[in-house]
C-alpha cells in the first residue's frame, strides 16, 4: 500500500504541487507538461508481460535505461527543455522509489 501511494503520489501529486508552488502564472500548462512525463511508460508495451508488479523498471525498459536517465539529467540545464527534463526526472524518481520499496 505504501509503495503504491509513494509511487503514484510522485507521479501525479508532486507535479501538481510543483506547478502550484513554483509556476503560479502558468500552472495548467506546467501541470500538463509535468504529468506528460508518464508517457515514457509506453516502453512497457515492449516487455513481456507488459506489467509485472515485481519488476523494477529502471534498467529494464529502454526509456528507463541508464543512458536515457543520463540524457534526462542534462535536459533541465537548458531553458528550452527544462520542464520536459524535470518531468522525466520526476518519473524516474517515482520509479526508483517503487524499486526501493519492492
Foldseek 3Di string as FASTA:
>chain_A
DVLVCLLVCLLQVVQQVCLVPPPVPPSVVLNVLLNCLCVLLVQLVVDVVSDDLLDQPQCPGPCNDPVNLVVLVCQCVDPVRNSNSNSNVSNNVSSVSSNVVD
